[in-house]
Amino acid sequence: MAKRSGEREPFAAAKVISGLELATKGRPVDGADLGRIAAEVEEALRLEGAEVSSDQVGRAVLERLRDLDVVAAVRFASVYKEFDDLADFERELDELMGPSRLTKATQPKRR
């Protein structure tokens, strides 16, 4: 895997799981789901070729995490995408909560 700094290192599922644990801390997410995501990401990246970038890893993790827990996805994105200000969070939320992503579970409750 090629990192942003130009260094190369092997893919490490443990690092993916560690990042997921931080993003999901205090969230109603099963630990088994984190291992599943890491395994899915590893398999998907293996199919893409011999060397992938850390950016590809981050995007693959974020894509799967969005389906699992939106709050955790925003947390993960804030680190992976290096958010600098509130506008970065707003853009990510707009992307996450766009019309095609709204489900009954994520829609505001009506009173």
PDB file of N, CA and C in Angstrom:
ATOM      1  N   MET A   1       0.852  -1.167   0.000  1.00  0.00           N
ATOM      2  CA  MET A   1       0.000   0.000   0.000  1.00  0.00           C
ATOM      3  C   MET A   1       0.896   1.227   0.000  1.00  0.00           C
ATOM      4  N   ALA A   2       0.565   2.196  -0.817  1.00  0.00           N
ATOM      5  CA  ALA A   2       1.304   3.453  -0.887  1.00  0.00           C
ATOM      6  C   ALA A   2       0.619   4.487  -0.004  1.00  0.00           C
ATOM      7  N   LYS A   3       1.386   5.051   0.929  1.00  0.00           N
ATOM      8  CA  LYS A   3       0.836   6.055   1.837  1.00  0.00           C
ATOM      9  C   LYS A   3       0.975   7.448   1.216  1.00  0.00           C
ATOM     10  N   ARG A   4       0.302   8.415   1.805  1.00  0.00           N
ATOM     11  CA  ARG A   4       0.373   9.793   1.298  1.00  0.00           C
ATOM     12  C   ARG A   4       1.795  10.327   1.311  1.00  0.00           C
ATOM     13  N   SER A   5       2.572   9.888   2.289  1.00  0.00           N
ATOM     14  CA  SER A   5       3.952  10.356   2.431  1.00  0.00           C
ATOM     15  C   SER A   5       4.878   9.762   1.377  1.00  0.00           C
ATOM     16  N   GLY A   6       4.377   8.773   0.638  1.00  0.00           N
ATOM     17  CA  GLY A   6       5.199   8.105  -0.356  1.00  0.00           C
ATOM     18  C   GLY A   6       5.766   6.789   0.150  1.00  0.00           C
ATOM     19  N   GLU A   7       5.688   6.562   1.449  1.00  0.00           N
ATOM     20  CA  GLU A   7       6.151   5.294   2.013  1.00  0.00           C
ATOM     21  C   GLU A   7       5.235   4.171   1.558  1.00  0.00           C
ATOM     22  N   ARG A   8       5.779   2.969   1.602  1.00  0.00           N
ATOM     23  CA  ARG A   8       4.995   1.797   1.248  1.00  0.00           C
ATOM     24  C   ARG A   8       5.002   0.833   2.431  1.00  0.00           C
ATOM     25  N   GLU A   9       3.843   0.228   2.659  1.00  0.00           N
ATOM     26  CA  GLU A   9       3.741  -0.775   3.711  1.00  0.00           C
ATOM     27  C   GLU A   9       2.634  -1.744   3.340  1.00  0.00           C
ATOM     28  N   PRO A  10       2.695  -2.954   3.875  1.00  0.00           N
ATOM     29  CA  PRO A  10       1.640  -3.922   3.555  1.00  0.00           C
ATOM     30  C   PRO A  10       0.312  -3.518   4.182  1.00  0.00           C
ATOM     31  N   PHE A  11      -0.770  -3.948   3.557  1.00  0.00           N
ATOM     32  CA  PHE A  11      -2.096  -3.702   4.114  1.00  0.00           C
ATOM     33  C   PHE A  11      -2.166  -4.372   5.480  1.00  0.00           C
ATOM     34  N   ALA A  12      -2.730  -3.682   6.457  1.00  0.00           N
ATOM     35  CA  ALA A  12      -2.858  -4.234   7.805  1.00  0.00           C
ATOM     36  C   ALA A  12      -4.307  -4.119   8.262  1.00  0.00           C
ATOM     37  N   ALA A  13      -4.997  -5.256   8.282  1.00  0.00           N
ATOM     38  CA  ALA A  13      -6.387  -5.271   8.723  1.00  0.00           C
ATOM     39  C   ALA A  13      -6.509  -4.742  10.142  1.00  0.00           C
ATOM     40  N   ALA A  14      -5.494  -5.003  10.973  1.00  0.00           N
ATOM     41  CA  ALA A  14      -5.523  -4.534  12.368  1.00  0.00           C
ATOM     42  C   ALA A  14      -5.580  -3.006  12.432  1.00  0.00           C
ATOM     43  N   LYS A  15      -4.903  -2.325  11.500  1.00  0.00           N
ATOM     44  CA  LYS A  15      -4.952  -0.858  11.473  1.00  0.00           C
ATOM     45  C   LYS A  15      -6.342  -0.371  11.067  1.00  0.00           C
ATOM     46  N   VAL A  16      -6.954  -1.062  10.133  1.00  0.00           N
ATOM     47  CA  VAL A  16      -8.312  -0.704   9.707  1.00  0.00           C
ATOM     48  C   VAL A  16      -9.263  -0.880  10.886  1.00  0.00           C
ATOM     49  N   ILE A  17      -9.161  -2.004  11.570  1.00  0.00           N
ATOM     50  CA  ILE A  17     -10.036  -2.270  12.712  1.00  0.00           C
ATOM     51  C   ILE A  17      -9.807  -1.243  13.809  1.00  0.00           C
ATOM     52  N   SER A  18      -8.567  -0.861  14.046  1.00  0.00           N
ATOM     53  CA  SER A  18      -8.254   0.151  15.060  1.00  0.00           C
ATOM     54  C   SER A  18      -8.936   1.482  14.730  1.00  0.00           C
ATOM     55  N   GLY A  19      -8.856   1.895  13.470  1.00  0.00           N
ATOM     56  CA  GLY A  19      -9.516   3.127  13.041  1.00  0.00           C
ATOM     57  C   GLY A  19     -11.026   3.035  13.173  1.00  0.00           C
ATOM     58  N   LEU A  20     -11.565   1.873  12.857  1.00  0.00           N
ATOM     59  CA  LEU A  20     -13.007   1.657  12.986  1.00  0.00           C
ATOM     60  C   LEU A  20     -13.433   1.676  14.453  1.00  0.00           C
ATOM     61  N   GLU A  21     -12.615   1.105  15.322  1.00  0.00           N
ATOM     62  CA  GLU A  21     -12.941   1.110  16.755  1.00  0.00           C
ATOM     63  C   GLU A  21     -13.007   2.538  17.289  1.00  0.00           C
ATOM     64  N   LEU A  22     -12.079   3.372  16.855  1.00  0.00           N
ATOM     65  CA  LEU A  22     -12.113   4.773  17.290  1.00  0.00           C
ATOM     66  C   LEU A  22     -13.369   5.474  16.779  1.00  0.00           C
ATOM     67  N   ALA A  23     -13.699   5.241  15.529  1.00  0.00           N
ATOM     68  CA  ALA A  23     -14.861   5.904  14.925  1.00  0.00           C
ATOM     69  C   ALA A  23     -16.173   5.436  15.529  1.00  0.00           C
ATOM     70  N   THR A  24     -16.216   4.185  15.984  1.00  0.00           N
ATOM     71  CA  THR A  24     -17.468   3.629  16.485  1.00  0.00           C
ATOM     72  C   THR A  24     -17.556   3.619  18.009  1.00  0.00           C
ATOM     73  N   LYS A  25     -16.571   4.180  18.671  1.00  0.00           N
ATOM     74  CA  LYS A  25     -16.571   4.177  20.141  1.00  0.00           C
ATOM     75  C   LYS A  25     -17.866   4.814  20.662  1.00  0.00           C
ATOM     76  N   GLY A  26     -18.563   4.071  21.535  1.00  0.00           N
ATOM     77  CA  GLY A  26     -19.804   4.563  22.108  1.00  0.00           C
ATOM     78  C   GLY A  26     -21.016   4.437  21.195  1.00  0.00           C
ATOM     79  N   ARG A  27     -20.824   3.858  20.025  1.00  0.00           N
ATOM     80  CA  ARG A  27     -21.916   3.690  19.067  1.00  0.00           C
ATOM     81  C   ARG A  27     -22.443   2.259  19.158  1.00  0.00           C
ATOM     82  N   PRO A  28     -23.699   2.033  18.786  1.00  0.00           N
ATOM     83  CA  PRO A  28     -24.276   0.694  18.850  1.00  0.00           C
ATOM     84  C   PRO A  28     -23.842  -0.173  17.662  1.00  0.00           C
ATOM     85  N   VAL A  29     -22.557  -0.488  17.634  1.00  0.00           N
ATOM     86  CA  VAL A  29     -21.985  -1.258  16.533  1.00  0.00           C
ATOM     87  C   VAL A  29     -21.341  -2.515  17.102  1.00  0.00           C
ATOM     88  N   ASP A  30     -21.603  -3.630  16.489  1.00  0.00           N
ATOM     89  CA  ASP A  30     -21.057  -4.911  16.912  1.00  0.00           C
ATOM     90  C   ASP A  30     -19.607  -5.028  16.432  1.00  0.00           C
ATOM     91  N   GLY A  31     -18.732  -5.482  17.304  1.00  0.00           N
ATOM     92  CA  GLY A  31     -17.325  -5.648  16.956  1.00  0.00           C
ATOM     93  C   GLY A  31     -17.106  -6.576  15.772  1.00  0.00           C
ATOM     94  N   ALA A  32     -17.981  -7.548  15.617  1.00  0.00           N
ATOM     95  CA  ALA A  32     -17.860  -8.470  14.483  1.00  0.00           C
ATOM     96  C   ALA A  32     -18.024  -7.730  13.156  1.00  0.00           C
ATOM     97  N   ASP A  33     -18.828  -6.675  13.163  1.00  0.00           N
ATOM     98  CA  ASP A  33     -19.015  -5.890  11.945  1.00  0.00           C
ATOM     99  C   ASP A  33     -17.714  -5.203  11.527  1.00  0.00           C
ATOM    100  N   LEU A  34     -16.907  -4.817  12.495  1.00  0.00           N
ATOM    101  CA  LEU A  34     -15.642  -4.144  12.192  1.00  0.00           C
ATOM    102  C   LEU A  34     -14.680  -5.110  11.503  1.00  0.00           C
ATOM    103  N   GLY A  35     -14.615  -6.326  12.011  1.00  0.00           N
ATOM    104  CA  GLY A  35     -13.789  -7.346  11.361  1.00  0.00           C
ATOM    105  C   GLY A  35     -14.276  -7.667   9.965  1.00  0.00           C
ATOM    106  N   ARG A  36     -15.592  -7.703   9.815  1.00  0.00           N
ATOM    107  CA  ARG A  36     -16.183  -7.965   8.496  1.00  0.00           C
ATOM    108  C   ARG A  36     -15.804  -6.869   7.509  1.00  0.00           C
ATOM    109  N   ILE A  37     -15.896  -5.611   7.954  1.00  0.00           N
ATOM    110  CA  ILE A  37     -15.537  -4.488   7.076  1.00  0.00           C
ATOM    111  C   ILE A  37     -14.072  -4.588   6.668  1.00  0.00           C
ATOM    112  N   ALA A  38     -13.193  -4.852   7.632  1.00  0.00           N
ATOM    113  CA  ALA A  38     -11.755  -4.958   7.320  1.00  0.00           C
ATOM    114  C   ALA A  38     -11.508  -6.070   6.299  1.00  0.00           C
ATOM    115  N   ALA A  39     -12.179  -7.206   6.476  1.00  0.00           N
ATOM    116  CA  ALA A  39     -12.005  -8.323   5.542  1.00  0.00           C
ATOM    117  C   ALA A  39     -12.543  -7.981   4.156  1.00  0.00           C
ATOM    118  N   GLU A  40     -13.701  -7.320   4.107  1.00  0.00           N
ATOM    119  CA  GLU A  40     -14.273  -6.918   2.817  1.00  0.00           C
ATOM    120  C   GLU A  40     -13.360  -5.930   2.100  1.00  0.00           C
ATOM    121  N   VAL A  41     -12.814  -4.977   2.849  1.00  0.00           N
ATOM    122  CA  VAL A  41     -11.917  -3.987   2.253  1.00  0.00           C
ATOM    123  C   VAL A  41     -10.672  -4.673   1.719  1.00  0.00           C
ATOM    124  N   GLU A  42     -10.096  -5.557   2.511  1.00  0.00           N
ATOM    125  CA  GLU A  42      -8.888  -6.261   2.072  1.00  0.00           C
ATOM    126  C   GLU A  42      -9.151  -7.041   0.790  1.00  0.00           C
ATOM    127  N   GLU A  43     -10.264  -7.755   0.735  1.00  0.00           N
ATOM    128  CA  GLU A  43     -10.601  -8.539  -0.451  1.00  0.00           C
ATOM    129  C   GLU A  43     -10.838  -7.634  -1.662  1.00  0.00           C
ATOM    130  N   ALA A  44     -11.573  -6.553  -1.475  1.00  0.00           N
ATOM    131  CA  ALA A  44     -11.851  -5.630  -2.587  1.00  0.00           C
ATOM    132  C   ALA A  44     -10.568  -5.018  -3.126  1.00  0.00           C
ATOM    133  N   LEU A  45      -9.669  -4.648  -2.235  1.00  0.00           N
ATOM    134  CA  LEU A  45      -8.416  -4.034  -2.670  1.00  0.00           C
ATOM    135  C   LEU A  45      -7.497  -5.057  -3.328  1.00  0.00           C
ATOM    136  N   ARG A  46      -7.544  -6.275  -2.864  1.00  0.00           N
ATOM    137  CA  ARG A  46      -6.739  -7.338  -3.480  1.00  0.00           C
ATOM    138  C   ARG A  46      -7.160  -7.519  -4.937  1.00  0.00           C
ATOM    139  N   LEU A  47      -8.452  -7.393  -5.193  1.00  0.00           N
ATOM    140  CA  LEU A  47      -8.962  -7.541  -6.559  1.00  0.00           C
ATOM    141  C   LEU A  47      -8.548  -6.377  -7.460  1.00  0.00           C
ATOM    142  N   GLU A  48      -8.243  -5.216  -6.846  1.00  0.00           N
ATOM    143  CA  GLU A  48      -7.847  -4.041  -7.634  1.00  0.00           C
ATOM    144  C   GLU A  48      -6.412  -4.118  -8.134  1.00  0.00           C
ATOM    145  N   GLY A  49      -5.584  -4.921  -7.516  1.00  0.00           N
ATOM    146  CA  GLY A  49      -4.215  -5.044  -7.991  1.00  0.00           C
ATOM    147  C   GLY A  49      -3.208  -5.148  -6.867  1.00  0.00           C
ATOM    148  N   ALA A  50      -1.948  -5.215  -7.258  1.00  0.00           N
ATOM    149  CA  ALA A  50      -0.867  -5.458  -6.315  1.00  0.00           C
ATOM    150  C   ALA A  50      -0.667  -4.307  -5.336  1.00  0.00           C
ATOM    151  N   GLU A  51      -0.761  -3.082  -5.821  1.00  0.00           N
ATOM    152  CA  GLU A  51      -0.522  -1.963  -4.914  1.00  0.00           C
ATOM    153  C   GLU A  51      -1.678  -0.969  -4.978  1.00  0.00           C
ATOM    154  N   VAL A  52      -2.160  -0.597  -3.810  1.00  0.00           N
ATOM    155  CA  VAL A  52      -3.225   0.382  -3.699  1.00  0.00           C
ATOM    156  C   VAL A  52      -2.732   1.529  -2.826  1.00  0.00           C
ATOM    157  N   SER A  53      -3.438   2.635  -2.875  1.00  0.00           N
ATOM    158  CA  SER A  53      -3.054   3.792  -2.065  1.00  0.00           C
ATOM    159  C   SER A  53      -3.827   3.798  -0.750  1.00  0.00           C
ATOM    160  N   SER A  54      -3.297   4.518   0.218  1.00  0.00           N
ATOM    161  CA  SER A  54      -4.010   4.650   1.492  1.00  0.00           C
ATOM    162  C   SER A  54      -5.344   5.356   1.257  1.00  0.00           C
ATOM    163  N   ASP A  55      -5.414   6.201   0.242  1.00  0.00           N
ATOM    164  CA  ASP A  55      -6.664   6.870  -0.105  1.00  0.00           C
ATOM    165  C   ASP A  55      -7.720   5.850  -0.538  1.00  0.00           C
ATOM    166  N   GLN A  56      -7.317   4.863  -1.318  1.00  0.00           N
ATOM    167  CA  GLN A  56      -8.249   3.820  -1.745  1.00  0.00           C
ATOM    168  C   GLN A  56      -8.749   3.026  -0.538  1.00  0.00           C
ATOM    169  N   VAL A  57      -7.862   2.760   0.405  1.00  0.00           N
ATOM    170  CA  VAL A  57      -8.246   2.039   1.614  1.00  0.00           C
ATOM    171  C   VAL A  57      -9.283   2.864   2.380  1.00  0.00           C
ATOM    172  N   GLY A  58      -8.995   4.142   2.584  1.00  0.00           N
ATOM    173  CA  GLY A  58      -9.901   5.014   3.317  1.00  0.00           C
ATOM    174  C   GLY A  58     -11.271   5.108   2.672  1.00  0.00           C
ATOM    175  N   ARG A  59     -11.295   5.246   1.352  1.00  0.00           N
ATOM    176  CA  ARG A  59     -12.575   5.331   0.645  1.00  0.00           C
ATOM    177  C   ARG A  59     -13.364   4.038   0.775  1.00  0.00           C
ATOM    178  N   ALA A  60     -12.671   2.909   0.681  1.00  0.00           N
ATOM    179  CA  ALA A  60     -13.341   1.611   0.786  1.00  0.00           C
ATOM    180  C   ALA A  60     -13.917   1.409   2.188  1.00  0.00           C
ATOM    181  N   VAL A  61     -13.176   1.813   3.207  1.00  0.00           N
ATOM    182  CA  VAL A  61     -13.661   1.696   4.583  1.00  0.00           C
ATOM    183  C   VAL A  61     -14.866   2.611   4.784  1.00  0.00           C
ATOM    184  N   LEU A  62     -14.744   3.848   4.364  1.00  0.00           N
ATOM    185  CA  LEU A  62     -15.810   4.827   4.547  1.00  0.00           C
ATOM    186  C   LEU A  62     -17.097   4.398   3.853  1.00  0.00           C
ATOM    187  N   GLU A  63     -16.975   3.856   2.665  1.00  0.00           N
ATOM    188  CA  GLU A  63     -18.154   3.395   1.918  1.00  0.00           C
ATOM    189  C   GLU A  63     -18.934   2.350   2.716  1.00  0.00           C
ATOM    190  N   ARG A  64     -18.231   1.424   3.332  1.00  0.00           N
ATOM    191  CA  ARG A  64     -18.893   0.367   4.102  1.00  0.00           C
ATOM    192  C   ARG A  64     -19.389   0.878   5.451  1.00  0.00           C
ATOM    193  N   LEU A  65     -18.637   1.760   6.067  1.00  0.00           N
ATOM    194  CA  LEU A  65     -19.012   2.297   7.372  1.00  0.00           C
ATOM    195  C   LEU A  65     -20.267   3.154   7.271  1.00  0.00           C
ATOM    196  N   ARG A  66     -20.446   3.842   6.169  1.00  0.00           N
ATOM    197  CA  ARG A  66     -21.663   4.658   5.963  1.00  0.00           C
ATOM    198  C   ARG A  66     -22.916   3.817   6.087  1.00  0.00           C
ATOM    199  N   ASP A  67     -22.865   2.595   5.578  1.00  0.00           N
ATOM    200  CA  ASP A  67     -24.030   1.714   5.635  1.00  0.00           C
ATOM    201  C   ASP A  67     -24.251   1.155   7.034  1.00  0.00           C
ATOM    202  N   LEU A  68     -23.205   1.127   7.845  1.00  0.00           N
ATOM    203  CA  LEU A  68     -23.290   0.565   9.190  1.00  0.00           C
ATOM    204  C   LEU A  68     -23.740   1.589  10.226  1.00  0.00           C
ATOM    205  N   ASP A  69     -23.129   2.799  10.198  1.00  0.00           N
ATOM    206  CA  ASP A  69     -23.436   3.816  11.204  1.00  0.00           C
ATOM    207  C   ASP A  69     -22.992   5.186  10.672  1.00  0.00           C
ATOM    208  N   VAL A  70     -23.943   6.063  10.435  1.00  0.00           N
ATOM    209  CA  VAL A  70     -23.654   7.368   9.831  1.00  0.00           C
ATOM    210  C   VAL A  70     -22.768   8.226  10.730  1.00  0.00           C
ATOM    211  N   VAL A  71     -23.038   8.221  12.038  1.00  0.00           N
ATOM    212  CA  VAL A  71     -22.229   9.034  12.960  1.00  0.00           C
ATOM    213  C   VAL A  71     -20.782   8.548  12.943  1.00  0.00           C
ATOM    214  N   ALA A  72     -20.585   7.250  12.987  1.00  0.00           N
ATOM    215  CA  ALA A  72     -19.232   6.700  12.935  1.00  0.00           C
ATOM    216  C   ALA A  72     -18.562   7.042  11.602  1.00  0.00           C
ATOM    217  N   ALA A  73     -19.337   7.046  10.532  1.00  0.00           N
ATOM    218  CA  ALA A  73     -18.787   7.392   9.224  1.00  0.00           C
ATOM    219  C   ALA A  73     -18.286   8.830   9.210  1.00  0.00           C
ATOM    220  N   VAL A  74     -19.030   9.741   9.815  1.00  0.00           N
ATOM    221  CA  VAL A  74     -18.587  11.138   9.874  1.00  0.00           C
ATOM    222  C   VAL A  74     -17.324  11.250  10.718  1.00  0.00           C
ATOM    223  N   ARG A  75     -17.279  10.534  11.821  1.00  0.00           N
ATOM    224  CA  ARG A  75     -16.072  10.528  12.658  1.00  0.00           C
ATOM    225  C   ARG A  75     -14.873  10.023  11.868  1.00  0.00           C
ATOM    226  N   PHE A  76     -15.063   8.902  11.173  1.00  0.00           N
ATOM    227  CA  PHE A  76     -13.975   8.326  10.375  1.00  0.00           C
ATOM    228  C   PHE A  76     -13.545   9.301   9.286  1.00  0.00           C
ATOM    229  N   ALA A  77     -14.519   9.881   8.606  1.00  0.00           N
ATOM    230  CA  ALA A  77     -14.222  10.816   7.515  1.00  0.00           C
ATOM    231  C   ALA A  77     -13.452  12.029   8.011  1.00  0.00           C
ATOM    232  N   SER A  78     -13.753  12.481   9.227  1.00  0.00           N
ATOM    233  CA  SER A  78     -13.073  13.677   9.747  1.00  0.00           C
ATOM    234  C   SER A  78     -11.582  13.447   9.896  1.00  0.00           C
ATOM    235  N   VAL A  79     -11.184  12.227  10.175  1.00  0.00           N
ATOM    236  CA  VAL A  79      -9.758  11.910  10.283  1.00  0.00           C
ATOM    237  C   VAL A  79      -9.194  11.575   8.906  1.00  0.00           C
ATOM    238  N   TYR A  80      -9.856  10.665   8.196  1.00  0.00           N
ATOM    239  CA  TYR A  80      -9.390  10.208   6.892  1.00  0.00           C
ATOM    240  C   TYR A  80      -9.296  11.363   5.884  1.00  0.00           C
ATOM    241  N   LYS A  81     -10.284  12.236   5.885  1.00  0.00           N
ATOM    242  CA  LYS A  81     -10.292  13.353   4.932  1.00  0.00           C
ATOM    243  C   LYS A  81      -9.665  14.617   5.507  1.00  0.00           C
ATOM    244  N   GLU A  82      -9.160  14.525   6.716  1.00  0.00           N
ATOM    245  CA  GLU A  82      -8.459  15.635   7.369  1.00  0.00           C
ATOM    246  C   GLU A  82      -9.285  16.922   7.388  1.00  0.00           C
ATOM    247  N   PHE A  83     -10.468  16.844   7.995  1.00  0.00           N
ATOM    248  CA  PHE A  83     -11.338  18.009   8.091  1.00  0.00           C
ATOM    249  C   PHE A  83     -10.624  19.136   8.824  1.00  0.00           C
ATOM    250  N   ASP A  84     -10.775  20.343   8.303  1.00  0.00           N
ATOM    251  CA  ASP A  84     -10.154  21.516   8.906  1.00  0.00           C
ATOM    252  C   ASP A  84     -11.155  22.429   9.608  1.00  0.00           C
ATOM    253  N   ASP A  85     -12.402  22.391   9.164  1.00  0.00           N
ATOM    254  CA  ASP A  85     -13.382  23.308   9.745  1.00  0.00           C
ATOM    255  C   ASP A  85     -14.788  22.741   9.618  1.00  0.00           C
ATOM    256  N   LEU A  86     -15.747  23.478  10.121  1.00  0.00           N
ATOM    257  CA  LEU A  86     -17.134  23.036  10.131  1.00  0.00           C
ATOM    258  C   LEU A  86     -17.673  22.796   8.722  1.00  0.00           C
ATOM    259  N   ALA A  87     -17.225  23.560   7.757  1.00  0.00           N
ATOM    260  CA  ALA A  87     -17.697  23.393   6.382  1.00  0.00           C
ATOM    261  C   ALA A  87     -17.381  21.988   5.864  1.00  0.00           C
ATOM    262  N   ASP A  88     -16.251  21.422   6.290  1.00  0.00           N
ATOM    263  CA  ASP A  88     -15.905  20.061   5.876  1.00  0.00           C
ATOM    264  C   ASP A  88     -16.922  19.064   6.425  1.00  0.00           C
ATOM    265  N   PHE A  89     -17.335  19.247   7.684  1.00  0.00           N
ATOM    266  CA  PHE A  89     -18.349  18.378   8.273  1.00  0.00           C
ATOM    267  C   PHE A  89     -19.678  18.540   7.542  1.00  0.00           C
ATOM    268  N   GLU A  90     -20.033  19.767   7.224  1.00  0.00           N
ATOM    269  CA  GLU A  90     -21.300  20.017   6.532  1.00  0.00           C
ATOM    270  C   GLU A  90     -21.326  19.343   5.167  1.00  0.00           C
ATOM    271  N   ARG A  91     -20.213  19.419   4.438  1.00  0.00           N
ATOM    272  CA  ARG A  91     -20.144  18.776   3.124  1.00  0.00           C
ATOM    273  C   ARG A  91     -20.308  17.260   3.255  1.00  0.00           C
ATOM    274  N   GLU A  92     -19.639  16.691   4.248  1.00  0.00           N
ATOM    275  CA  GLU A  92     -19.733  15.242   4.441  1.00  0.00           C
ATOM    276  C   GLU A  92     -21.159  14.839   4.823  1.00  0.00           C
ATOM    277  N   LEU A  93     -21.783  15.606   5.701  1.00  0.00           N
ATOM    278  CA  LEU A  93     -23.166  15.307   6.088  1.00  0.00           C
ATOM    279  C   LEU A  93     -24.103  15.422   4.902  1.00  0.00           C
ATOM    280  N   ASP A  94     -23.899  16.435   4.066  1.00  0.00           N
ATOM    281  CA  ASP A  94     -24.727  16.575   2.861  1.00  0.00           C
ATOM    282  C   ASP A  94     -24.585  15.339   1.978  1.00  0.00           C
ATOM    283  N   GLU A  95     -23.361  14.853   1.839  1.00  0.00           N
ATOM    284  CA  GLU A  95     -23.123  13.671   1.021  1.00  0.00           C
ATOM    285  C   GLU A  95     -23.762  12.435   1.656  1.00  0.00           C
ATOM    286  N   LEU A  96     -23.600  12.303   2.961  1.00  0.00           N
ATOM    287  CA  LEU A  96     -24.147  11.147   3.668  1.00  0.00           C
ATOM    288  C   LEU A  96     -25.667  11.149   3.707  1.00  0.00           C
ATOM    289  N   MET A  97     -26.249  12.305   3.861  1.00  0.00           N
ATOM    290  CA  MET A  97     -27.687  12.400   4.073  1.00  0.00           C
ATOM    291  C   MET A  97     -28.450  12.873   2.852  1.00  0.00           C
ATOM    292  N   GLY A  98     -27.829  12.841   1.702  1.00  0.00           N
ATOM    293  CA  GLY A  98     -28.506  13.234   0.477  1.00  0.00           C
ATOM    294  C   GLY A  98     -29.753  12.409   0.257  1.00  0.00           C
ATOM    295  N   PRO A  99     -30.624  12.830  -0.644  1.00  0.00           N
ATOM    296  CA  PRO A  99     -31.911  12.166  -0.857  1.00  0.00           C
ATOM    297  C   PRO A  99     -31.796  10.665  -1.102  1.00  0.00           C
ATOM    298  N   SER A 100     -30.764  10.235  -1.801  1.00  0.00           N
ATOM    299  CA  SER A 100     -30.640   8.809  -2.098  1.00  0.00           C
ATOM    300  C   SER A 100     -30.190   8.011  -0.883  1.00  0.00           C
ATOM    301  N   ARG A 101     -29.688   8.670   0.145  1.00  0.00           N
ATOM    302  CA  ARG A 101     -29.199   7.969   1.339  1.00  0.00           C
ATOM    303  C   ARG A 101     -30.209   7.967   2.483  1.00  0.00           C
ATOM    304  N   LEU A 102     -31.247   8.804   2.393  1.00  0.00           N
ATOM    305  CA  LEU A 102     -32.215   8.841   3.489  1.00  0.00           C
ATOM    306  C   LEU A 102     -33.024   7.553   3.527  1.00  0.00           C
ATOM    307  N   THR A 103     -33.078   6.975   4.696  1.00  0.00           N
ATOM    308  CA  THR A 103     -33.895   5.786   4.907  1.00  0.00           C
ATOM    309  C   THR A 103     -34.822   6.078   6.070  1.00  0.00           C
ATOM    310  N   LYS A 104     -35.732   5.193   6.315  1.00  0.00           N
ATOM    311  CA  LYS A 104     -36.646   5.382   7.432  1.00  0.00           C
ATOM    312  C   LYS A 104     -35.875   5.540   8.738  1.00  0.00           C
ATOM    313  N   ALA A 105     -34.787   4.812   8.904  1.00  0.00           N
ATOM    314  CA  ALA A 105     -34.009   4.856  10.142  1.00  0.00           C
ATOM    315  C   ALA A 105     -33.277   6.182  10.325  1.00  0.00           C
ATOM    316  N   THR A 106     -32.952   6.872   9.239  1.00  0.00           N
ATOM    317  CA  THR A 106     -32.184   8.108   9.359  1.00  0.00           C
ATOM    318  C   THR A 106     -33.031   9.366   9.226  1.00  0.00           C
ATOM    319  N   GLN A 107     -34.286   9.219   8.840  1.00  0.00           N
ATOM    320  CA  GLN A 107     -35.151  10.379   8.709  1.00  0.00           C
ATOM    321  C   GLN A 107     -35.537  10.901  10.085  1.00  0.00           C
ATOM    322  N   PRO A 108     -35.740  12.198  10.215  1.00  0.00           N
ATOM    323  CA  PRO A 108     -36.168  12.751  11.512  1.00  0.00           C
ATOM    324  C   PRO A 108     -37.510  12.153  11.920  1.00  0.00           C
ATOM    325  N   LYS A 109     -37.673  11.950  13.224  1.00  0.00           N
ATOM    326  CA  LYS A 109     -38.925  11.410  13.729  1.00  0.00           C
ATOM    327  C   LYS A 109     -39.991  12.501  13.731  1.00  0.00           C
ATOM    328  N   ARG A 110     -41.188  12.121  13.332  1.00  0.00           N
ATOM    329  CA  ARG A 110     -42.304  13.079  13.308  1.00  0.00           C
ATOM    330  C   ARG A 110     -43.021  13.009  14.631  1.00  0.00           C
ATOM    331  N   ARG A 111     -43.502  14.145  15.075  1.00  0.00           N
ATOM    332  CA  ARG A 111     -44.227  14.197  16.346  1.00  0.00           C
ATOM    333  C   ARG A 111     -45.685  14.388  16.119  1.00  0.00           C
TER     334      ARG A 111
END
